[in-house]
């Protein structure tokens, strides 16, 4: 059985780097996971956001179907792991808490 993690952050809104920093400092702790879904996957094209996420001690993902339907699957940086719906369910089950923002 996989190790229980603390929290999964399910991010669905579009935002800028200032909003990311504000939300991150309020809600996210080291070692937690972030899953970008819906409109938020567009944020992963922003170099400032990717650079900031890369500095942090958190794993982040993008929902593959949302990237594909927006035509950005091939444009995302290599460090963004695109996951299937099945992996999204696994992430949800392997964390004791899910926070949406």
C-alpha atoms as a PDB file:
ATOM      1  CA  UNK A   1       0.000   0.000   0.000  1.00  0.00           C
ATOM      2  CA  UNK A   2       1.366   3.474  -0.890  1.00  0.00           C
ATOM      3  CA  UNK A   3       2.444   5.861   1.833  1.00  0.00           C
ATOM      4  CA  UNK A   4      -0.316   8.209   2.993  1.00  0.00           C
ATOM      5  CA  UNK A   5       0.601  11.753   2.063  1.00  0.00           C
ATOM      6  CA  UNK A   6      -0.640  14.859   3.765  1.00  0.00           C
ATOM      7  CA  UNK A   7      -2.663  16.811   1.212  1.00  0.00           C
ATOM      8  CA  UNK A   8      -3.460  16.968  -2.468  1.00  0.00           C
ATOM      9  CA  UNK A   9      -4.130  20.444  -3.808  1.00  0.00           C
ATOM     10  CA  UNK A  10      -6.604  20.312  -6.672  1.00  0.00           C
ATOM     11  CA  UNK A  11      -6.092  23.537  -8.605  1.00  0.00           C
ATOM     12  CA  UNK A  12      -8.721  24.442 -11.178  1.00  0.00           C
ATOM     13  CA  UNK A  13      -8.569  28.229 -11.570  1.00  0.00           C
ATOM     14  CA  UNK A  14      -6.372  30.291 -13.832  1.00  0.00           C
ATOM     15  CA  UNK A  15      -4.054  32.675 -11.958  1.00  0.00           C
ATOM     16  CA  UNK A  16      -0.844  34.686 -12.161  1.00  0.00           C
ATOM     17  CA  UNK A  17       2.448  34.352 -10.270  1.00  0.00           C
ATOM     18  CA  UNK A  18       1.352  36.789  -7.528  1.00  0.00           C
ATOM     19  CA  UNK A  19      -1.789  34.757  -6.825  1.00  0.00           C
ATOM     20  CA  UNK A  20       0.218  31.519  -6.853  1.00  0.00           C
ATOM     21  CA  UNK A  21       2.663  32.869  -4.275  1.00  0.00           C
ATOM     22  CA  UNK A  22      -0.180  34.113  -2.064  1.00  0.00           C
ATOM     23  CA  UNK A  23      -2.147  30.861  -2.222  1.00  0.00           C
ATOM     24  CA  UNK A  24       0.979  28.771  -1.864  1.00  0.00           C
ATOM     25  CA  UNK A  25       2.104  30.550   1.301  1.00  0.00           C
ATOM     26  CA  UNK A  26      -1.407  30.225   2.798  1.00  0.00           C
ATOM     27  CA  UNK A  27      -2.229  26.613   1.981  1.00  0.00           C
ATOM     28  CA  UNK A  28       0.712  24.495   0.841  1.00  0.00           C
ATOM     29  CA  UNK A  29       3.361  22.799   2.968  1.00  0.00           C
ATOM     30  CA  UNK A  30       6.537  21.075   1.799  1.00  0.00           C
ATOM     31  CA  UNK A  31       6.021  17.579   0.455  1.00  0.00           C
ATOM     32  CA  UNK A  32       2.402  18.062  -0.582  1.00  0.00           C
ATOM     33  CA  UNK A  33       1.189  17.432  -4.128  1.00  0.00           C
ATOM     34  CA  UNK A  34      -0.484  19.819  -6.567  1.00  0.00           C
ATOM     35  CA  UNK A  35      -2.735  18.667  -9.396  1.00  0.00           C
ATOM     36  CA  UNK A  36      -3.644  21.220 -12.066  1.00  0.00           C
ATOM     37  CA  UNK A  37      -6.981  20.555 -13.786  1.00  0.00           C
ATOM     38  CA  UNK A  38      -9.361  22.474 -16.038  1.00  0.00           C
ATOM     39  CA  UNK A  39      -8.349  26.045 -16.861  1.00  0.00           C
ATOM     40  CA  UNK A  40      -5.411  25.938 -14.451  1.00  0.00           C
ATOM     41  CA  UNK A  41      -3.325  23.757 -16.818  1.00  0.00           C
ATOM     42  CA  UNK A  42      -2.791  26.902 -18.927  1.00  0.00           C
ATOM     43  CA  UNK A  43      -0.806  28.329 -15.983  1.00  0.00           C
ATOM     44  CA  UNK A  44       1.844  25.690 -16.598  1.00  0.00           C
ATOM     45  CA  UNK A  45       2.844  27.455 -19.821  1.00  0.00           C
ATOM     46  CA  UNK A  46       3.985  30.484 -17.773  1.00  0.00           C
ATOM     47  CA  UNK A  47       7.751  30.329 -17.258  1.00  0.00           C
ATOM     48  CA  UNK A  48       7.548  32.323 -13.998  1.00  0.00           C
ATOM     49  CA  UNK A  49       5.059  29.851 -12.553  1.00  0.00           C
ATOM     50  CA  UNK A  50       7.087  26.809 -13.661  1.00  0.00           C
ATOM     51  CA  UNK A  51      10.280  28.361 -12.246  1.00  0.00           C
ATOM     52  CA  UNK A  52       8.521  29.027  -8.917  1.00  0.00           C
ATOM     53  CA  UNK A  53       7.061  25.520  -8.744  1.00  0.00           C
ATOM     54  CA  UNK A  54      10.496  24.051  -9.519  1.00  0.00           C
ATOM     55  CA  UNK A  55      11.992  25.911  -6.531  1.00  0.00           C
ATOM     56  CA  UNK A  56       9.512  24.331  -4.133  1.00  0.00           C
ATOM     57  CA  UNK A  57       9.609  20.918  -2.477  1.00  0.00           C
ATOM     58  CA  UNK A  58       6.340  19.697  -3.937  1.00  0.00           C
ATOM     59  CA  UNK A  59       5.370  17.326  -6.726  1.00  0.00           C
ATOM     60  CA  UNK A  60       3.007  18.761  -9.299  1.00  0.00           C
ATOM     61  CA  UNK A  61       0.910  17.233 -12.048  1.00  0.00           C
ATOM     62  CA  UNK A  62      -1.435  18.252 -14.863  1.00  0.00           C
ATOM     63  CA  UNK A  63      -4.480  16.294 -15.936  1.00  0.00           C
ATOM     64  CA  UNK A  64      -3.620  14.892 -19.350  1.00  0.00           C
ATOM     65  CA  UNK A  65      -7.153  15.178 -20.794  1.00  0.00           C
ATOM     66  CA  UNK A  66      -7.349  18.877 -19.888  1.00  0.00           C
ATOM     67  CA  UNK A  67      -3.966  19.556 -21.501  1.00  0.00           C
ATOM     68  CA  UNK A  68      -4.970  17.666 -24.621  1.00  0.00           C
ATOM     69  CA  UNK A  69      -8.319  19.428 -25.085  1.00  0.00           C
ATOM     70  CA  UNK A  70      -6.555  22.798 -24.793  1.00  0.00           C
ATOM     71  CA  UNK A  71      -3.884  21.758 -27.295  1.00  0.00           C
ATOM     72  CA  UNK A  72      -0.978  22.274 -24.893  1.00  0.00           C
ATOM     73  CA  UNK A  73       0.198  18.710 -24.194  1.00  0.00           C
ATOM     74  CA  UNK A  74       3.293  19.090 -26.355  1.00  0.00           C
ATOM     75  CA  UNK A  75       4.016  22.627 -25.118  1.00  0.00           C
ATOM     76  CA  UNK A  76       4.363  21.882 -21.407  1.00  0.00           C
ATOM     77  CA  UNK A  77       7.844  21.650 -19.875  1.00  0.00           C
ATOM     78  CA  UNK A  78       9.220  18.151 -19.260  1.00  0.00           C
ATOM     79  CA  UNK A  79       9.009  18.556 -15.477  1.00  0.00           C
ATOM     80  CA  UNK A  80       5.199  18.694 -15.655  1.00  0.00           C
ATOM     81  CA  UNK A  81       3.932  15.141 -15.284  1.00  0.00           C
ATOM     82  CA  UNK A  82       0.711  14.711 -17.240  1.00  0.00           C
ATOM     83  CA  UNK A  83      -1.536  12.162 -15.548  1.00  0.00           C
ATOM     84  CA  UNK A  84      -4.612  10.182 -16.540  1.00  0.00           C
ATOM     85  CA  UNK A  85      -7.949  10.198 -14.763  1.00  0.00           C
ATOM     86  CA  UNK A  86      -6.952   6.912 -13.114  1.00  0.00           C
ATOM     87  CA  UNK A  87      -3.798   8.503 -11.664  1.00  0.00           C
ATOM     88  CA  UNK A  88      -5.920  11.442 -10.454  1.00  0.00           C
ATOM     89  CA  UNK A  89      -8.108   9.020  -8.518  1.00  0.00           C
ATOM     90  CA  UNK A  90      -5.006   7.322  -7.073  1.00  0.00           C
ATOM     91  CA  UNK A  91      -3.621  10.685  -5.956  1.00  0.00           C
ATOM     92  CA  UNK A  92      -6.930  11.464  -4.268  1.00  0.00           C
ATOM     93  CA  UNK A  93      -7.008   8.103  -2.501  1.00  0.00           C
ATOM     94  CA  UNK A  94      -3.361   8.296  -1.393  1.00  0.00           C
ATOM     95  CA  UNK A  95      -3.826  11.614   0.383  1.00  0.00           C
ATOM     96  CA  UNK A  96      -5.944  12.015   3.484  1.00  0.00           C
ATOM     97  CA  UNK A  97      -7.152  15.465   2.458  1.00  0.00           C
ATOM     98  CA  UNK A  98      -7.915  17.233  -0.835  1.00  0.00           C
ATOM     99  CA  UNK A  99      -7.998  21.013  -0.996  1.00  0.00           C
ATOM    100  CA  UNK A 100      -9.485  22.751  -4.030  1.00  0.00           C
ATOM    101  CA  UNK A 101      -8.464  26.256  -5.081  1.00  0.00           C
END
